[in-house]
Amino acid sequence: MRDHMRLYHNPKCSKSRQAVALLTEAGFEFEDYRYLTEGIDSSDVVILSTLSNIVRRKDVVGDFDVKNLDAKSIQQLILEQPKCLERPVLIHNGQAVIGRPPELILEFLQNQ
């Protein structure tokens, strides 16, 4: 599915809600993916682990030096602790962008 878009979304997060609104207002069709209940999709974990600042340090449980984790360790961490994933994140065409600020998502799509 080349045109499929998945937005990793937490409805309690204002930036996530803004990203949903921006995408909806711009007329994009996307999967509203509730990662806190659904977990991290295994097909997305490699892409997500390549993003700098993908881990919300304050939401990591345990003693991890997040700055020194390699991609494999980040993948394992976000699979085991989805809550520590930065949000919102849009995945499209095998690439991803963190929507902080949410307008970065629209910029990302315009450059696709």
C-alpha atoms as a PDB file:
ATOM      1  CA  MET A   1       0.000   0.000   0.000  1.00  0.00           C
ATOM      2  CA  ARG A   2       2.119   2.850  -1.216  1.00  0.00           C
ATOM      3  CA  ASP A   3      -0.287   5.672  -0.369  1.00  0.00           C
ATOM      4  CA  HIS A   4      -1.296   4.347   3.032  1.00  0.00           C
ATOM      5  CA  MET A   5      -0.641   6.791   5.852  1.00  0.00           C
ATOM      6  CA  ARG A   6      -0.555   5.805   9.499  1.00  0.00           C
ATOM      7  CA  LEU A   7      -0.622   8.468  12.204  1.00  0.00           C
ATOM      8  CA  TYR A   8       0.629   7.305  15.579  1.00  0.00           C
ATOM      9  CA  HIS A   9      -1.805   9.192  17.744  1.00  0.00           C
ATOM     10  CA  ASN A  10      -2.615   9.725  21.413  1.00  0.00           C
ATOM     11  CA  PRO A  11      -5.991  11.497  21.759  1.00  0.00           C
ATOM     12  CA  LYS A  12      -4.943  12.913  25.150  1.00  0.00           C
ATOM     13  CA  CYS A  13      -2.031  14.777  23.524  1.00  0.00           C
ATOM     14  CA  SER A  14      -2.830  18.234  22.159  1.00  0.00           C
ATOM     15  CA  LYS A  15      -0.159  17.958  19.431  1.00  0.00           C
ATOM     16  CA  SER A  16      -1.677  14.645  18.303  1.00  0.00           C
ATOM     17  CA  ARG A  17      -5.148  16.171  18.160  1.00  0.00           C
ATOM     18  CA  GLN A  18      -3.764  19.115  16.159  1.00  0.00           C
ATOM     19  CA  ALA A  19      -2.116  16.703  13.696  1.00  0.00           C
ATOM     20  CA  VAL A  20      -5.411  14.832  13.216  1.00  0.00           C
ATOM     21  CA  ALA A  21      -7.210  18.135  12.610  1.00  0.00           C
ATOM     22  CA  LEU A  22      -4.578  19.367  10.125  1.00  0.00           C
ATOM     23  CA  LEU A  23      -4.636  16.125   8.126  1.00  0.00           C
ATOM     24  CA  THR A  24      -8.427  15.994   8.158  1.00  0.00           C
ATOM     25  CA  GLU A  25      -8.818  19.649   7.121  1.00  0.00           C
ATOM     26  CA  ALA A  26      -6.298  19.136   4.301  1.00  0.00           C
ATOM     27  CA  GLY A  27      -8.348  16.188   3.028  1.00  0.00           C
ATOM     28  CA  PHE A  28      -5.809  13.411   3.634  1.00  0.00           C
ATOM     29  CA  GLU A  29      -7.003   9.881   4.308  1.00  0.00           C
ATOM     30  CA  PHE A  30      -4.973   8.256   7.063  1.00  0.00           C
ATOM     31  CA  GLU A  31      -5.127   5.532   9.643  1.00  0.00           C
ATOM     32  CA  ASP A  32      -5.683   6.987  13.111  1.00  0.00           C
ATOM     33  CA  TYR A  33      -3.426   4.543  14.928  1.00  0.00           C
ATOM     34  CA  ARG A  34      -3.873   4.458  18.713  1.00  0.00           C
ATOM     35  CA  TYR A  35      -0.477   3.065  19.659  1.00  0.00           C
ATOM     36  CA  LEU A  36      -1.154   3.131  23.411  1.00  0.00           C
ATOM     37  CA  THR A  37      -3.828   0.465  22.983  1.00  0.00           C
ATOM     38  CA  GLU A  38      -2.631  -1.217  19.773  1.00  0.00           C
ATOM     39  CA  GLY A  39       1.118  -1.144  20.447  1.00  0.00           C
ATOM     40  CA  ILE A  40       3.755  -0.390  17.829  1.00  0.00           C
ATOM     41  CA  ASP A  41       3.106  -2.041  14.473  1.00  0.00           C
ATOM     42  CA  SER A  42       5.984  -4.434  13.788  1.00  0.00           C
ATOM     43  CA  SER A  43       6.190  -3.224  10.178  1.00  0.00           C
ATOM     44  CA  ASP A  44       6.870   0.333  11.422  1.00  0.00           C
ATOM     45  CA  VAL A  45       9.390  -0.289  14.181  1.00  0.00           C
ATOM     46  CA  VAL A  46      12.501  -0.036  11.971  1.00  0.00           C
ATOM     47  CA  ILE A  47      11.336   3.235  10.392  1.00  0.00           C
ATOM     48  CA  LEU A  48      10.438   4.680  13.794  1.00  0.00           C
ATOM     49  CA  SER A  49      13.806   3.751  15.275  1.00  0.00           C
ATOM     50  CA  THR A  50      15.614   5.861  12.658  1.00  0.00           C
ATOM     51  CA  LEU A  51      14.003   9.112  13.845  1.00  0.00           C
ATOM     52  CA  SER A  52      16.043  11.217  16.196  1.00  0.00           C
ATOM     53  CA  ASN A  53      14.158  12.081  19.397  1.00  0.00           C
ATOM     54  CA  ILE A  54      11.614   9.282  18.835  1.00  0.00           C
ATOM     55  CA  VAL A  55      11.852   8.296  22.509  1.00  0.00           C
ATOM     56  CA  ARG A  56      10.132  10.460  25.127  1.00  0.00           C
ATOM     57  CA  ARG A  57      12.730  10.131  27.865  1.00  0.00           C
ATOM     58  CA  LYS A  58      10.371  11.168  30.645  1.00  0.00           C
ATOM     59  CA  ASP A  59       8.057   8.248  29.782  1.00  0.00           C
ATOM     60  CA  VAL A  60      10.759   5.546  29.796  1.00  0.00           C
ATOM     61  CA  VAL A  61      10.391   3.078  32.662  1.00  0.00           C
ATOM     62  CA  GLY A  62      13.696   1.727  33.959  1.00  0.00           C
ATOM     63  CA  ASP A  63      17.300   2.831  33.874  1.00  0.00           C
ATOM     64  CA  PHE A  64      18.078   3.499  30.209  1.00  0.00           C
ATOM     65  CA  ASP A  65      20.592   5.964  28.819  1.00  0.00           C
ATOM     66  CA  VAL A  66      18.420   6.762  25.807  1.00  0.00           C
ATOM     67  CA  LYS A  67      21.107   8.924  24.167  1.00  0.00           C
ATOM     68  CA  ASN A  68      23.390   5.900  23.837  1.00  0.00           C
ATOM     69  CA  LEU A  69      20.871   3.332  22.544  1.00  0.00           C
ATOM     70  CA  ASP A  70      21.465   1.888  19.092  1.00  0.00           C
ATOM     71  CA  ALA A  71      18.619   1.387  16.604  1.00  0.00           C
ATOM     72  CA  LYS A  72      18.011  -2.226  17.701  1.00  0.00           C
ATOM     73  CA  SER A  73      17.733  -1.174  21.345  1.00  0.00           C
ATOM     74  CA  ILE A  74      15.360   1.668  20.452  1.00  0.00           C
ATOM     75  CA  GLN A  75      13.195  -0.797  18.518  1.00  0.00           C
ATOM     76  CA  GLN A  76      13.039  -3.107  21.503  1.00  0.00           C
ATOM     77  CA  LEU A  77      12.297  -0.231  23.888  1.00  0.00           C
ATOM     78  CA  ILE A  78       9.382   1.196  21.877  1.00  0.00           C
ATOM     79  CA  LEU A  79       7.921  -2.278  21.314  1.00  0.00           C
ATOM     80  CA  GLU A  80       8.065  -3.030  25.039  1.00  0.00           C
ATOM     81  CA  GLN A  81       7.096   0.476  26.179  1.00  0.00           C
ATOM     82  CA  PRO A  82       4.874   2.101  23.507  1.00  0.00           C
ATOM     83  CA  LYS A  83       4.105   4.937  25.924  1.00  0.00           C
ATOM     84  CA  CYS A  84       7.655   6.266  25.467  1.00  0.00           C
ATOM     85  CA  LEU A  85       7.098   6.861  21.729  1.00  0.00           C
ATOM     86  CA  GLU A  86       7.149  10.544  20.794  1.00  0.00           C
ATOM     87  CA  ARG A  87       3.920  11.658  19.171  1.00  0.00           C
ATOM     88  CA  PRO A  88       2.357  12.363  16.826  1.00  0.00           C
ATOM     89  CA  VAL A  89       4.271  10.451  14.151  1.00  0.00           C
ATOM     90  CA  LEU A  90       3.150  10.037  10.549  1.00  0.00           C
ATOM     91  CA  ILE A  91       4.420   7.136   8.463  1.00  0.00           C
ATOM     92  CA  HIS A  92       4.009   7.385   4.693  1.00  0.00           C
ATOM     93  CA  ASN A  93       5.856   5.776   1.769  1.00  0.00           C
ATOM     94  CA  GLY A  94       8.396   4.090   4.020  1.00  0.00           C
ATOM     95  CA  GLN A  95       9.363   7.336   5.745  1.00  0.00           C
ATOM     96  CA  ALA A  96       8.291   8.985   8.976  1.00  0.00           C
ATOM     97  CA  VAL A  97       8.124  12.391  10.582  1.00  0.00           C
ATOM     98  CA  ILE A  98       7.487  13.515  14.141  1.00  0.00           C
ATOM     99  CA  GLY A  99       4.777  16.175  14.197  1.00  0.00           C
ATOM    100  CA  ARG A 100       6.343  18.579  16.665  1.00  0.00           C
ATOM    101  CA  PRO A 101       5.069  21.045  15.707  1.00  0.00           C
ATOM    102  CA  PRO A 102       2.174  19.306  13.907  1.00  0.00           C
ATOM    103  CA  GLU A 103       2.707  21.492  10.812  1.00  0.00           C
ATOM    104  CA  LEU A 104       5.848  19.445  10.092  1.00  0.00           C
ATOM    105  CA  ILE A 105       3.530  16.632   8.989  1.00  0.00           C
ATOM    106  CA  LEU A 106       2.001  18.765   6.244  1.00  0.00           C
ATOM    107  CA  GLU A 107       5.465  19.956   5.150  1.00  0.00           C
ATOM    108  CA  PHE A 108       6.594  16.326   5.005  1.00  0.00           C
ATOM    109  CA  LEU A 109       3.615  15.377   2.804  1.00  0.00           C
ATOM    110  CA  GLN A 110       4.143  18.334   0.465  1.00  0.00           C
ATOM    111  CA  ASN A 111       7.714  17.156  -0.107  1.00  0.00           C
ATOM    112  CA  GLN A 112       6.741  13.559  -0.921  1.00  0.00           C
END
